[in-house]
Amino acid sequence: MKTIRARNVDEALYLGVDFFRGPEGINYRKQESRNGTTRESIGPVVTHYTRPWERVSFQKERDANPFFHLYEAIWMLAGSKELKKLTYFNAGMANFSDDGVTLNGAYGYRWTKTFMWNQIDIIIKMLKEDPDSRRCVLQMWDGVHDLNSSSIDIPCNTNIYFKIRDGKLQMTVCNRSNDMIWGAYGANAVHMSILMEYVAVAVNAPMGSYYQISDSFHIYENEQWDKIKDLSGRGFGSWFSSTYPSPHYPLVSDPATFTDECMQFIQTTPPTRRSGNPEEVDDFSKAFTTEIYNNTFFPDVMIPMVSAFRAHKARKYEEAYDFLKEVKAVDWQEAAFHWIKRRQLNWEAKHGTGS
């Protein structure tokens, strides 16, 4: 078993490229899959994040969508499985739905509803009562419905372990199949570390190490790999330590109401329904306001982020940048600015600045 130890997600990405770039037979083998040829690790790989709150990727070749990653993390903690809330930010999510309405493998729904109780609430209660516990297992894999299922959306992350050691919350995520680019060092790093931060605040413990065990750790030999394969993590340690935007803006200020406010936030973002009208509209609910939240992350980060994304979709770029100026989390603000800027430049190169 190999270990990739990284301060944050971008350092992990660079080191992961090194892992797959060498000759076949040392770290990986060529392996066919239903989606094409992969380079798959020889044995499981553990990624160890020492600063999991540094979860935002700034790597322009990777071009991670910060709006989608952050929104989906809140969507998970809201316990939702509603597809349209995600396709507003990433139309490709429709490819993972069996019925065009929901996502079968939605992690947050499985955390809070699938197994008939809210597993996260139980784990928080267990850790408060017994910080030495080794029984805090958050389950996503359903052996009854997932094994040999025909669904196109089966959980890749199967279970998560939480424990408190040396006064800090430690989290280990187990993953059966992990695409390094889109999964491990894309969505997973954001979603799981946000879950970890919520649990840490709820049990009054700082965040410690986040470990991700990837059984099939792989990349696809496609154009996305071609975009990043020349990156290298060698010699970049001091660079990653000195450039990540700081300070960290806390996710949770009131853990007692945080998940309720996640649900409230998701319900007020597009698509929504107006009173007396059953049809969905591409608009914000009237309840979409900064005045109704105890957790400042919503008015200070989420609301201006979603507002900026909506302006970007309408190609109102200056309006989008004005909203981003209101984002108080400097890592999300910076990543969002550059992501939109790249799209503005691409649009103007094709259509001209006057379009």
Protein backbone atom coordinates (compact mmCIF):
# COMPACT_ATOMS: atom_id res chain seq x y z
CA MET A 1 0.00 0.00 0.00
CA LYS A 2 1.36 3.41 -1.01
CA THR A 3 0.79 6.69 0.84
CA ILE A 4 0.60 10.16 -0.66
CA ARG A 5 1.11 12.67 2.14
CA ALA A 6 0.10 16.20 1.27
CA ARG A 7 -0.65 19.45 3.00
CA ASN A 8 -3.65 20.15 0.75
CA VAL A 9 -5.54 19.05 -2.35
CA ASP A 10 -3.31 20.76 -4.93
CA GLU A 11 -0.14 19.28 -3.46
CA ALA A 12 -1.85 15.87 -3.53
CA LEU A 13 -2.73 16.41 -7.20
CA TYR A 14 0.87 17.18 -8.15
CA LEU A 15 2.18 14.18 -6.21
CA GLY A 16 -0.55 12.00 -7.72
CA VAL A 17 0.58 12.96 -11.21
CA ASP A 18 4.11 11.86 -10.26
CA PHE A 19 2.62 8.56 -9.05
CA PHE A 20 1.05 7.75 -12.44
CA ARG A 21 3.66 9.28 -14.73
CA GLY A 22 6.40 6.69 -14.39
CA PRO A 23 6.73 3.39 -16.24
CA GLU A 24 4.00 0.78 -15.93
CA GLY A 25 4.57 -1.91 -13.31
CA ILE A 26 6.04 0.26 -10.54
CA ASN A 27 3.02 2.11 -9.17
CA TYR A 28 0.30 1.15 -11.64
CA ARG A 29 -0.91 -1.28 -14.28
CA LYS A 30 -2.98 -0.63 -17.40
CA GLN A 31 -6.53 -1.75 -16.72
CA GLU A 32 -9.54 -1.68 -19.03
CA SER A 33 -12.86 -0.33 -17.73
CA ARG A 34 -16.32 0.41 -19.14
CA ASN A 35 -15.16 4.02 -19.64
CA GLY A 36 -11.84 3.26 -21.33
CA THR A 37 -8.26 2.44 -20.44
CA THR A 38 -7.07 3.37 -16.96
CA ARG A 39 -3.79 3.46 -15.11
CA GLU A 40 -4.78 1.73 -11.87
CA SER A 41 -2.62 1.60 -8.76
CA ILE A 42 -1.07 -1.73 -7.83
CA GLY A 43 -2.82 -2.07 -4.50
CA PRO A 44 -4.71 0.53 -2.47
CA VAL A 45 -3.41 4.08 -2.06
CA VAL A 46 -3.82 6.23 1.05
CA THR A 47 -3.93 10.00 0.70
CA HIS A 48 -3.08 11.74 3.97
CA TYR A 49 -4.11 15.40 4.17
CA THR A 50 -2.43 17.23 7.04
CA ARG A 51 -4.46 20.45 6.54
CA PRO A 52 -7.81 19.22 5.19
CA TRP A 53 -9.41 22.65 5.42
CA GLU A 54 -7.15 23.68 2.53
CA ARG A 55 -9.63 22.03 0.22
CA VAL A 56 -9.85 24.39 -2.74
CA SER A 57 -7.92 23.63 -5.93
CA PHE A 58 -6.27 26.50 -7.82
CA GLN A 59 -4.62 24.39 -10.52
CA LYS A 60 -5.70 25.95 -13.82
CA GLU A 61 -5.08 22.80 -15.91
CA ARG A 62 -7.30 20.84 -13.54
CA ASP A 63 -9.88 23.67 -13.77
CA ALA A 64 -12.05 22.47 -10.88
CA ASN A 65 -15.45 24.16 -10.67
CA PRO A 66 -15.45 25.77 -7.19
CA PHE A 67 -19.14 26.74 -7.38
CA PHE A 68 -20.25 23.18 -8.04
CA HIS A 69 -17.92 21.58 -5.50
CA LEU A 70 -18.98 23.92 -2.70
CA TYR A 71 -22.69 23.83 -3.53
CA GLU A 72 -22.69 20.02 -3.76
CA ALA A 73 -21.05 19.77 -0.33
CA ILE A 74 -23.85 21.87 1.21
CA TRP A 75 -26.40 19.84 -0.81
CA MET A 76 -24.99 16.72 0.83
CA LEU A 77 -25.20 18.08 4.35
CA ALA A 78 -28.78 19.09 3.56
CA GLY A 79 -29.50 15.39 2.96
CA SER A 80 -30.78 16.02 -0.56
CA LYS A 81 -30.88 13.69 -3.55
CA GLU A 82 -32.66 16.13 -5.90
CA LEU A 83 -30.89 16.17 -9.26
CA LYS A 84 -31.96 19.59 -10.57
CA LYS A 85 -30.29 21.44 -7.74
CA LEU A 86 -26.97 20.10 -9.02
CA THR A 87 -27.53 20.34 -12.77
CA TYR A 88 -27.95 24.09 -12.35
CA PHE A 89 -24.21 24.12 -11.57
CA ASN A 90 -23.12 21.07 -13.58
CA ALA A 91 -25.36 19.78 -16.36
CA GLY A 92 -23.27 16.59 -16.56
CA MET A 93 -24.73 15.32 -13.29
CA ALA A 94 -27.82 14.27 -15.27
CA ASN A 95 -25.71 11.45 -16.72
CA PHE A 96 -25.65 9.79 -13.28
CA SER A 97 -29.39 9.72 -12.64
CA ASP A 98 -31.51 6.62 -13.22
CA ASP A 99 -34.81 8.49 -13.39
CA GLY A 100 -33.89 12.06 -14.33
CA VAL A 101 -35.14 13.31 -10.97
CA THR A 102 -32.88 11.96 -8.21
CA LEU A 103 -29.43 10.49 -7.62
CA ASN A 104 -29.43 6.96 -6.24
CA GLY A 105 -26.02 7.22 -4.61
CA ALA A 106 -26.46 10.69 -3.05
CA TYR A 107 -24.13 10.63 -0.06
CA GLY A 108 -25.96 13.13 2.11
CA TYR A 109 -29.27 11.32 1.66
CA ARG A 110 -27.58 8.09 2.69
CA TRP A 111 -25.92 9.77 5.67
CA THR A 112 -29.21 11.06 7.02
CA LYS A 113 -32.17 9.11 5.59
CA THR A 114 -31.47 5.85 3.73
CA PHE A 115 -30.80 3.73 6.80
CA MET A 116 -33.82 5.13 8.67
CA TRP A 117 -31.91 7.49 10.93
CA ASN A 118 -29.46 10.38 10.80
CA GLN A 119 -26.08 8.71 11.12
CA ILE A 120 -24.21 12.01 11.46
CA ASP A 121 -26.27 13.06 14.48
CA ILE A 122 -25.64 9.67 16.10
CA ILE A 123 -21.88 9.90 15.49
CA ILE A 124 -21.70 13.39 16.97
CA LYS A 125 -23.58 12.16 20.05
CA MET A 126 -21.27 9.13 20.36
CA LEU A 127 -18.09 11.22 20.15
CA LYS A 128 -19.38 13.69 22.71
CA GLU A 129 -20.16 10.87 25.13
CA ASP A 130 -17.04 8.81 24.42
CA PRO A 131 -14.17 10.63 22.66
CA ASP A 132 -12.15 7.38 22.71
CA SER A 133 -14.77 5.47 20.70
CA ARG A 134 -13.72 3.33 17.72
CA ARG A 135 -17.31 2.62 16.65
CA CYS A 136 -18.16 5.81 14.78
CA VAL A 137 -18.75 4.41 11.29
CA LEU A 138 -20.71 6.46 8.74
CA GLN A 139 -22.17 4.08 6.16
CA MET A 140 -22.83 4.83 2.50
CA TRP A 141 -22.74 1.35 0.94
CA ASP A 142 -26.03 -0.54 1.14
CA GLY A 143 -25.28 -4.25 0.82
CA VAL A 144 -28.91 -5.07 0.08
CA HIS A 145 -29.49 -2.58 -2.74
CA ASP A 146 -26.01 -1.78 -4.10
CA LEU A 147 -24.44 -5.20 -4.57
CA ASN A 148 -25.07 -6.28 -8.17
CA SER A 149 -27.32 -3.27 -8.71
CA SER A 150 -28.14 -2.06 -12.23
CA SER A 151 -28.12 1.60 -11.14
CA ILE A 152 -25.72 3.94 -12.91
CA ASP A 153 -25.07 5.75 -9.62
CA ILE A 154 -23.50 3.45 -7.05
CA PRO A 155 -21.49 5.03 -4.21
CA CYS A 156 -17.75 5.11 -4.80
CA ASN A 157 -17.12 6.18 -1.20
CA THR A 158 -18.43 3.34 0.93
CA ASN A 159 -17.91 4.29 4.57
CA ILE A 160 -16.16 6.81 6.82
CA TYR A 161 -14.53 6.36 10.23
CA PHE A 162 -14.34 9.15 12.80
CA LYS A 163 -12.32 9.17 15.99
CA ILE A 164 -10.75 11.71 18.32
CA ARG A 165 -7.04 11.27 18.99
CA ASP A 166 -4.64 13.71 20.64
CA GLY A 167 -7.60 16.03 21.11
CA LYS A 168 -8.27 16.31 17.35
CA LEU A 169 -10.91 14.80 15.08
CA GLN A 170 -9.44 12.26 12.67
CA MET A 171 -11.37 11.01 9.64
CA THR A 172 -10.73 8.03 7.35
CA VAL A 173 -12.75 7.71 4.13
CA CYS A 174 -12.88 4.32 2.39
CA ASN A 175 -13.37 4.31 -1.37
CA ARG A 176 -13.87 1.32 -3.65
CA SER A 177 -13.11 3.20 -6.91
CA ASN A 178 -11.39 6.59 -7.09
CA ASP A 179 -10.63 8.57 -10.21
CA MET A 180 -7.72 10.70 -9.03
CA ILE A 181 -8.57 13.76 -11.12
CA TRP A 182 -12.36 14.07 -10.78
CA GLY A 183 -12.91 12.14 -7.55
CA ALA A 184 -10.03 11.92 -5.10
CA TYR A 185 -8.41 15.28 -5.79
CA GLY A 186 -11.56 16.94 -7.02
CA ALA A 187 -14.96 16.48 -5.43
CA ASN A 188 -13.94 14.13 -2.59
CA ALA A 189 -11.40 16.50 -1.07
CA VAL A 190 -14.05 19.22 -0.81
CA HIS A 191 -17.09 17.20 0.19
CA MET A 192 -15.46 15.01 2.81
CA SER A 193 -13.39 17.75 4.42
CA ILE A 194 -16.51 19.92 4.74
CA LEU A 195 -18.31 17.03 6.42
CA MET A 196 -15.27 16.63 8.68
CA GLU A 197 -15.24 20.32 9.61
CA TYR A 198 -18.93 20.23 10.55
CA VAL A 199 -18.45 17.17 12.78
CA ALA A 200 -15.30 18.68 14.33
CA VAL A 201 -17.10 21.86 15.35
CA ALA A 202 -20.10 19.89 16.60
CA VAL A 203 -17.90 17.80 18.93
CA ASN A 204 -15.74 20.81 19.87
CA ALA A 205 -12.48 19.39 18.52
CA PRO A 206 -10.06 20.87 15.97
CA MET A 207 -9.60 19.12 12.64
CA GLY A 208 -6.76 16.63 12.56
CA SER A 209 -5.69 14.36 9.71
CA TYR A 210 -7.97 13.26 6.89
CA TYR A 211 -7.06 9.91 5.34
CA GLN A 212 -8.61 8.63 2.13
CA ILE A 213 -8.10 4.93 1.33
CA SER A 214 -8.65 4.36 -2.40
CA ASP A 215 -8.87 0.68 -3.32
CA SER A 216 -8.89 1.27 -7.09
CA PHE A 217 -6.93 4.51 -7.39
CA HIS A 218 -6.75 5.39 -11.08
CA ILE A 219 -6.69 7.89 -13.92
CA TYR A 220 -8.26 7.58 -17.35
CA GLU A 221 -5.90 7.90 -20.29
CA ASN A 222 -7.89 10.70 -21.90
CA GLU A 223 -7.70 14.41 -22.61
CA GLN A 224 -8.04 15.35 -18.94
CA TRP A 225 -4.91 13.34 -18.11
CA ASP A 226 -3.15 14.95 -21.06
CA LYS A 227 -3.85 18.39 -19.58
CA ILE A 228 -2.14 17.67 -16.24
CA LYS A 229 0.40 14.91 -16.93
CA ASP A 230 3.33 17.34 -17.15
CA LEU A 231 2.79 18.69 -13.63
CA SER A 232 5.19 17.56 -10.93
CA GLY A 233 5.11 17.67 -7.16
CA ARG A 234 8.88 17.43 -6.79
CA GLY A 235 10.32 20.51 -5.16
CA PHE A 236 6.98 22.21 -4.65
CA GLY A 237 6.62 21.67 -0.89
CA SER A 238 7.48 25.23 0.12
CA TRP A 239 5.34 26.63 -2.71
CA PHE A 240 2.21 24.86 -1.44
CA SER A 241 2.94 25.99 2.12
CA SER A 242 3.31 29.64 1.24
CA THR A 243 0.61 30.33 -1.34
CA TYR A 244 -2.65 28.86 -0.04
CA PRO A 245 -4.94 31.83 0.74
CA SER A 246 -5.48 32.53 4.42
CA PRO A 247 -6.96 32.87 6.93
CA HIS A 248 -9.43 30.01 6.85
CA TYR A 249 -13.04 31.21 7.01
CA PRO A 250 -14.92 28.87 9.38
CA LEU A 251 -17.70 26.78 7.86
CA VAL A 252 -19.78 26.51 11.03
CA SER A 253 -20.59 29.13 13.64
CA ASP A 254 -23.69 27.48 15.10
CA PRO A 255 -23.57 23.67 14.82
CA ALA A 256 -27.03 23.27 16.37
CA THR A 257 -28.64 24.91 13.33
CA PHE A 258 -26.08 24.28 10.59
CA THR A 259 -27.64 21.31 8.76
CA ASP A 260 -31.12 22.88 9.01
CA GLU A 261 -29.67 25.98 7.39
CA CYS A 262 -28.06 23.83 4.69
CA MET A 263 -31.54 22.53 3.85
CA GLN A 264 -32.98 26.03 3.99
CA PHE A 265 -30.28 27.33 1.66
CA ILE A 266 -30.73 24.54 -0.89
CA GLN A 267 -34.48 25.14 -0.98
CA THR A 268 -34.04 28.83 -1.81
CA THR A 269 -31.60 28.43 -4.72
CA PRO A 270 -32.61 27.73 -8.35
CA PRO A 271 -34.58 25.98 -9.56
CA THR A 272 -37.35 27.07 -7.21
CA ARG A 273 -41.14 27.29 -7.25
CA ARG A 274 -43.09 30.49 -6.76
CA SER A 275 -46.07 30.50 -4.45
CA GLY A 276 -49.17 29.25 -6.25
CA ASN A 277 -47.15 28.11 -9.27
CA PRO A 278 -46.12 24.45 -9.48
CA GLU A 279 -43.69 25.11 -12.33
CA GLU A 280 -40.00 25.42 -11.49
CA VAL A 281 -38.34 28.73 -12.32
CA ASP A 282 -34.70 29.74 -12.76
CA ASP A 283 -34.83 32.18 -9.90
CA PHE A 284 -34.09 32.60 -6.22
CA SER A 285 -36.78 32.09 -3.62
CA LYS A 286 -38.00 35.19 -1.80
CA ALA A 287 -36.45 33.57 1.29
CA PHE A 288 -33.00 33.88 -0.33
CA THR A 289 -31.74 36.54 2.09
CA THR A 290 -28.73 37.13 4.29
CA GLU A 291 -30.86 37.88 7.35
CA ILE A 292 -32.16 34.42 8.22
CA TYR A 293 -28.95 32.53 9.04
CA ASN A 294 -27.17 31.89 12.32
CA ASN A 295 -24.17 30.50 10.45
CA THR A 296 -22.34 33.35 8.78
CA PHE A 297 -20.92 31.09 6.07
CA PHE A 298 -24.23 31.38 4.23
CA PRO A 299 -24.49 35.18 3.93
CA ASP A 300 -20.71 35.69 3.77
CA VAL A 301 -19.81 32.93 1.30
CA MET A 302 -22.66 30.85 -0.13
CA ILE A 303 -25.08 33.60 -1.13
CA PRO A 304 -22.54 35.77 -2.98
CA MET A 305 -20.98 32.65 -4.57
CA VAL A 306 -24.31 31.44 -5.94
CA SER A 307 -25.23 34.97 -7.02
CA ALA A 308 -21.91 35.28 -8.88
CA PHE A 309 -22.47 31.95 -10.61
CA ARG A 310 -25.93 33.03 -11.74
CA ALA A 311 -24.47 36.25 -13.17
CA HIS A 312 -21.78 34.21 -14.93
CA LYS A 313 -24.44 32.01 -16.53
CA ALA A 314 -26.06 35.17 -17.90
CA ARG A 315 -22.58 36.35 -19.03
CA LYS A 316 -22.87 39.39 -16.81
CA TYR A 317 -19.23 39.17 -15.84
CA GLU A 318 -18.77 42.50 -14.07
CA GLU A 319 -21.83 41.75 -11.96
CA ALA A 320 -20.35 38.34 -11.13
CA TYR A 321 -17.08 39.94 -10.00
CA ASP A 322 -18.99 42.43 -7.84
CA PHE A 323 -20.69 39.53 -6.05
CA LEU A 324 -17.34 37.78 -5.59
CA LYS A 325 -15.98 40.86 -3.83
CA GLU A 326 -18.50 40.08 -1.06
CA VAL A 327 -17.16 36.53 -0.49
CA LYS A 328 -15.27 36.51 2.81
CA ALA A 329 -13.61 33.12 2.36
CA VAL A 330 -10.49 34.13 0.43
CA ASP A 331 -9.78 30.64 -0.94
CA TRP A 332 -13.24 30.24 -2.47
CA GLN A 333 -13.20 33.86 -3.64
CA GLU A 334 -9.88 33.50 -5.46
CA ALA A 335 -10.71 30.16 -7.09
CA ALA A 336 -14.12 31.42 -8.20
CA PHE A 337 -12.67 34.59 -9.70
CA HIS A 338 -10.12 32.73 -11.82
CA TRP A 339 -12.65 30.08 -12.90
CA ILE A 340 -15.05 32.74 -14.20
CA LYS A 341 -12.22 34.77 -15.72
CA ARG A 342 -11.07 31.80 -17.80
CA ARG A 343 -14.59 31.40 -19.15
CA GLN A 344 -14.98 35.09 -19.84
CA LEU A 345 -11.76 35.11 -21.86
CA ASN A 346 -12.82 32.01 -23.80
CA TRP A 347 -16.22 33.54 -24.55
CA GLU A 348 -14.75 36.85 -25.68
CA ALA A 349 -12.16 35.09 -27.85
CA LYS A 350 -15.01 33.39 -29.72
CA HIS A 351 -17.62 36.12 -29.76
CA GLY A 352 -15.80 39.40 -29.13
CA THR A 353 -15.99 41.72 -26.14
CA GLY A 354 -19.11 43.45 -27.42
CA SER A 355 -21.27 40.30 -27.42
